[in-house]
Amino acid sequence: MRTGDAPLAALAALEAPSLEDFERLGEIAYAALPDEFRSRIAEIEIRVADFPDEDALDSLGLESEFDLLGLFVGIGLAHAEAVPRTGGTPNRIWLYRRPILDYWAEHEETLGAIVTHVLIHEIGHHFGLSDEDMEAIEAAAGEE
């Protein structure tokens, strides 16, 4: 093997991040959020799956399982007082590995940055923000 082939050999040996790797990326992204932001988040689980299930796709009117990178499931803080919590599942953020990897392959962002963006976006839903609200906030932040 020539000296210059070592980096190529290392690349050839790479494997796609596993579900466990993504779970760890989500934990790292969550831990890196400012304390003030995290302190306002009620208990929430971060879960990872390869793809969203059919119910999630149907409820959002999506045709392709690659159209959804993440999903907040539960009762957001804006609705918590109006909807009593009696049993049921905890608030949960889903990160979808395969759609995120697909997005990553087509864009010039790091995988960590994409996972962080998706996580923050879904936390925004936990706070009761709509997609339009978050797009406006991101646009305003980009103008400054």
C-alpha atoms as a PDB file:
ATOM      1  CA  MET A   1       0.000   0.000   0.000  1.00  0.00           C
ATOM      2  CA  ARG A   2       1.312   3.438  -0.889  1.00  0.00           C
ATOM      3  CA  THR A   3       1.591   6.045   1.846  1.00  0.00           C
ATOM      4  CA  GLY A   4      -1.179   8.201   0.346  1.00  0.00           C
ATOM      5  CA  ASP A   5      -3.601   5.250   0.335  1.00  0.00           C
ATOM      6  CA  ALA A   6      -3.907   5.065   4.136  1.00  0.00           C
ATOM      7  CA  PRO A   7      -6.615   7.773   4.388  1.00  0.00           C
ATOM      8  CA  LEU A   8      -8.558   6.103   1.565  1.00  0.00           C
ATOM      9  CA  ALA A   9      -8.328   2.747   3.316  1.00  0.00           C
ATOM     10  CA  ALA A  10      -9.652   4.350   6.502  1.00  0.00           C
ATOM     11  CA  LEU A  11     -12.562   5.870   4.554  1.00  0.00           C
ATOM     12  CA  ALA A  12     -13.311   2.546   2.882  1.00  0.00           C
ATOM     13  CA  ALA A  13     -13.622   0.936   6.319  1.00  0.00           C
ATOM     14  CA  LEU A  14     -16.153   3.485   7.611  1.00  0.00           C
ATOM     15  CA  GLU A  15     -19.656   2.313   8.416  1.00  0.00           C
ATOM     16  CA  ALA A  16     -22.844   4.339   8.728  1.00  0.00           C
ATOM     17  CA  PRO A  17     -23.548   5.458  12.295  1.00  0.00           C
ATOM     18  CA  SER A  18     -25.744   2.945  14.129  1.00  0.00           C
ATOM     19  CA  LEU A  19     -28.932   3.673  16.062  1.00  0.00           C
ATOM     20  CA  GLU A  20     -26.808   3.679  19.217  1.00  0.00           C
ATOM     21  CA  ASP A  21     -24.407   6.189  17.637  1.00  0.00           C
ATOM     22  CA  PHE A  22     -27.360   8.446  16.825  1.00  0.00           C
ATOM     23  CA  GLU A  23     -28.709   8.104  20.342  1.00  0.00           C
ATOM     24  CA  ARG A  24     -25.329   9.252  21.637  1.00  0.00           C
ATOM     25  CA  LEU A  25     -25.282  12.160  19.131  1.00  0.00           C
ATOM     26  CA  GLY A  26     -28.705  13.210  20.429  1.00  0.00           C
ATOM     27  CA  GLU A  27     -27.487  13.034  24.034  1.00  0.00           C
ATOM     28  CA  ILE A  28     -24.386  15.078  23.187  1.00  0.00           C
ATOM     29  CA  ALA A  29     -26.468  17.674  21.316  1.00  0.00           C
ATOM     30  CA  TYR A  30     -28.922  17.901  24.229  1.00  0.00           C
ATOM     31  CA  ALA A  31     -26.123  18.226  26.803  1.00  0.00           C
ATOM     32  CA  ALA A  32     -24.561  21.041  24.755  1.00  0.00           C
ATOM     33  CA  LEU A  33     -27.734  23.153  24.880  1.00  0.00           C
ATOM     34  CA  PRO A  34     -27.510  26.163  27.198  1.00  0.00           C
ATOM     35  CA  ASP A  35     -28.488  25.338  30.792  1.00  0.00           C
ATOM     36  CA  GLU A  36     -31.146  28.062  30.736  1.00  0.00           C
ATOM     37  CA  PHE A  37     -32.790  26.394  27.727  1.00  0.00           C
ATOM     38  CA  ARG A  38     -32.568  22.850  29.131  1.00  0.00           C
ATOM     39  CA  SER A  39     -33.966  23.939  32.498  1.00  0.00           C
ATOM     40  CA  ARG A  40     -37.219  24.954  30.756  1.00  0.00           C
ATOM     41  CA  ILE A  41     -37.687  21.583  29.123  1.00  0.00           C
ATOM     42  CA  ALA A  42     -39.971  19.271  31.061  1.00  0.00           C
ATOM     43  CA  GLU A  43     -39.030  15.614  31.107  1.00  0.00           C
ATOM     44  CA  ILE A  44     -38.558  14.455  27.579  1.00  0.00           C
ATOM     45  CA  GLU A  45     -37.116  11.303  26.068  1.00  0.00           C
ATOM     46  CA  ILE A  46     -34.919  11.269  23.003  1.00  0.00           C
ATOM     47  CA  ARG A  47     -35.423   8.165  20.880  1.00  0.00           C
ATOM     48  CA  VAL A  48     -33.934   7.030  17.592  1.00  0.00           C
ATOM     49  CA  ALA A  49     -35.449   4.886  14.844  1.00  0.00           C
ATOM     50  CA  ASP A  50     -34.372   4.181  11.301  1.00  0.00           C
ATOM     51  CA  PHE A  51     -37.601   5.638   9.863  1.00  0.00           C
ATOM     52  CA  PRO A  52     -40.863   7.186  11.057  1.00  0.00           C
ATOM     53  CA  ASP A  53     -43.801   4.796  11.270  1.00  0.00           C
ATOM     54  CA  GLU A  54     -46.759   4.915   8.890  1.00  0.00           C
ATOM     55  CA  ASP A  55     -48.981   6.642  11.473  1.00  0.00           C
ATOM     56  CA  ALA A  56     -46.532   9.549  11.751  1.00  0.00           C
ATOM     57  CA  LEU A  57     -46.271   9.895   7.980  1.00  0.00           C
ATOM     58  CA  ASP A  58     -50.048   9.709   7.530  1.00  0.00           C
ATOM     59  CA  SER A  59     -50.775  12.233  10.284  1.00  0.00           C
ATOM     60  CA  LEU A  60     -48.440  14.743   8.637  1.00  0.00           C
ATOM     61  CA  GLY A  61     -49.570  13.980   5.090  1.00  0.00           C
ATOM     62  CA  LEU A  62     -46.115  12.830   4.003  1.00  0.00           C
ATOM     63  CA  GLU A  63     -45.597  10.294   1.266  1.00  0.00           C
ATOM     64  CA  SER A  64     -41.943   9.382   1.736  1.00  0.00           C
ATOM     65  CA  GLU A  65     -40.306   8.092   4.883  1.00  0.00           C
ATOM     66  CA  PHE A  66     -37.314  10.283   3.941  1.00  0.00           C
ATOM     67  CA  ASP A  67     -39.391  13.473   4.323  1.00  0.00           C
ATOM     68  CA  LEU A  68     -39.252  13.490   8.128  1.00  0.00           C
ATOM     69  CA  LEU A  69     -35.987  13.928  10.050  1.00  0.00           C
ATOM     70  CA  GLY A  70     -37.480  14.164  13.532  1.00  0.00           C
ATOM     71  CA  LEU A  71     -40.771  14.344  15.404  1.00  0.00           C
ATOM     72  CA  PHE A  72     -42.026  15.598  18.753  1.00  0.00           C
ATOM     73  CA  VAL A  73     -44.701  13.324  20.219  1.00  0.00           C
ATOM     74  CA  GLY A  74     -46.533  14.298  23.365  1.00  0.00           C
ATOM     75  CA  ILE A  75     -48.128  17.270  25.034  1.00  0.00           C
ATOM     76  CA  GLY A  76     -46.148  20.454  24.574  1.00  0.00           C
ATOM     77  CA  LEU A  77     -45.688  22.951  27.365  1.00  0.00           C
ATOM     78  CA  ALA A  78     -48.170  25.339  25.744  1.00  0.00           C
ATOM     79  CA  HIS A  79     -50.903  22.699  26.133  1.00  0.00           C
ATOM     80  CA  ALA A  80     -49.770  20.992  29.346  1.00  0.00           C
ATOM     81  CA  GLU A  81     -52.181  22.856  31.618  1.00  0.00           C
ATOM     82  CA  ALA A  82     -55.154  22.298  29.317  1.00  0.00           C
ATOM     83  CA  VAL A  83     -54.553  18.555  28.923  1.00  0.00           C
ATOM     84  CA  PRO A  84     -54.255  16.585  32.161  1.00  0.00           C
ATOM     85  CA  ARG A  85     -51.520  13.921  32.170  1.00  0.00           C
ATOM     86  CA  THR A  86     -52.904  10.635  33.374  1.00  0.00           C
ATOM     87  CA  GLY A  87     -50.632   7.766  32.513  1.00  0.00           C
ATOM     88  CA  GLY A  88     -49.758   7.526  28.858  1.00  0.00           C
ATOM     89  CA  THR A  89     -46.381   7.863  27.293  1.00  0.00           C
ATOM     90  CA  PRO A  90     -43.876  10.567  28.184  1.00  0.00           C
ATOM     91  CA  ASN A  91     -43.066  13.425  25.861  1.00  0.00           C
ATOM     92  CA  ARG A  92     -40.656  12.107  23.282  1.00  0.00           C
ATOM     93  CA  ILE A  93     -38.487  13.395  20.472  1.00  0.00           C
ATOM     94  CA  TRP A  94     -37.770  10.966  17.661  1.00  0.00           C
ATOM     95  CA  LEU A  95     -34.653  11.295  15.521  1.00  0.00           C
ATOM     96  CA  TYR A  96     -34.885   9.326  12.280  1.00  0.00           C
ATOM     97  CA  ARG A  97     -31.477   7.939  11.344  1.00  0.00           C
ATOM     98  CA  ARG A  98     -31.894   7.091   7.657  1.00  0.00           C
ATOM     99  CA  PRO A  99     -33.566  10.377   6.600  1.00  0.00           C
ATOM    100  CA  ILE A 100     -30.934  12.332   8.569  1.00  0.00           C
ATOM    101  CA  LEU A 101     -28.123  10.348   6.892  1.00  0.00           C
ATOM    102  CA  ASP A 102     -29.725  10.987   3.500  1.00  0.00           C
ATOM    103  CA  TYR A 103     -29.917  14.714   4.219  1.00  0.00           C
ATOM    104  CA  TRP A 104     -26.307  14.715   5.470  1.00  0.00           C
ATOM    105  CA  ALA A 105     -25.084  13.040   2.271  1.00  0.00           C
ATOM    106  CA  GLU A 106     -26.643  15.802   0.167  1.00  0.00           C
ATOM    107  CA  HIS A 107     -25.573  18.863   2.194  1.00  0.00           C
ATOM    108  CA  GLU A 108     -22.394  20.438   3.451  1.00  0.00           C
ATOM    109  CA  GLU A 109     -23.134  20.285   7.165  1.00  0.00           C
ATOM    110  CA  THR A 110     -21.663  18.036   9.803  1.00  0.00           C
ATOM    111  CA  LEU A 111     -23.778  15.177  11.058  1.00  0.00           C
ATOM    112  CA  GLY A 112     -23.588  16.632  14.570  1.00  0.00           C
ATOM    113  CA  ALA A 113     -24.899  19.999  13.347  1.00  0.00           C
ATOM    114  CA  ILE A 114     -27.836  18.347  11.585  1.00  0.00           C
ATOM    115  CA  VAL A 115     -28.765  16.240  14.616  1.00  0.00           C
ATOM    116  CA  THR A 116     -28.526  19.340  16.821  1.00  0.00           C
ATOM    117  CA  HIS A 117     -30.727  21.335  14.430  1.00  0.00           C
ATOM    118  CA  VAL A 118     -33.372  18.589  14.308  1.00  0.00           C
ATOM    119  CA  LEU A 119     -33.301  18.204  18.097  1.00  0.00           C
ATOM    120  CA  ILE A 120     -33.703  21.948  18.680  1.00  0.00           C
ATOM    121  CA  HIS A 121     -36.485  22.100  16.093  1.00  0.00           C
ATOM    122  CA  GLU A 122     -38.406  19.311  17.849  1.00  0.00           C
ATOM    123  CA  ILE A 123     -37.826  20.932  21.252  1.00  0.00           C
ATOM    124  CA  GLY A 124     -39.390  24.031  19.690  1.00  0.00           C
ATOM    125  CA  HIS A 125     -42.534  21.959  19.102  1.00  0.00           C
ATOM    126  CA  HIS A 126     -42.363  20.912  22.773  1.00  0.00           C
ATOM    127  CA  PHE A 127     -42.503  24.627  23.611  1.00  0.00           C
ATOM    128  CA  GLY A 128     -45.572  24.947  21.373  1.00  0.00           C
ATOM    129  CA  LEU A 129     -43.882  26.666  18.429  1.00  0.00           C
ATOM    130  CA  SER A 130     -45.096  25.909  14.930  1.00  0.00           C
ATOM    131  CA  ASP A 131     -42.795  25.229  11.978  1.00  0.00           C
ATOM    132  CA  GLU A 132     -43.607  28.739  10.747  1.00  0.00           C
ATOM    133  CA  ASP A 133     -42.658  30.250  14.144  1.00  0.00           C
ATOM    134  CA  MET A 134     -39.299  28.487  14.091  1.00  0.00           C
ATOM    135  CA  GLU A 135     -38.606  29.449  10.476  1.00  0.00           C
ATOM    136  CA  ALA A 136     -39.276  33.097  11.375  1.00  0.00           C
ATOM    137  CA  ILE A 137     -36.953  32.877  14.392  1.00  0.00           C
ATOM    138  CA  GLU A 138     -34.203  31.257  12.285  1.00  0.00           C
ATOM    139  CA  ALA A 139     -34.649  33.883   9.540  1.00  0.00           C
ATOM    140  CA  ALA A 140     -34.460  36.711  12.085  1.00  0.00           C
ATOM    141  CA  ALA A 141     -31.357  35.198  13.663  1.00  0.00           C
ATOM    142  CA  GLY A 142     -29.744  34.929  10.239  1.00  0.00           C
ATOM    143  CA  GLU A 143     -30.329  38.630   9.552  1.00  0.00           C
ATOM    144  CA  GLU A 144     -28.456  39.770  12.658  1.00  0.00           C
END
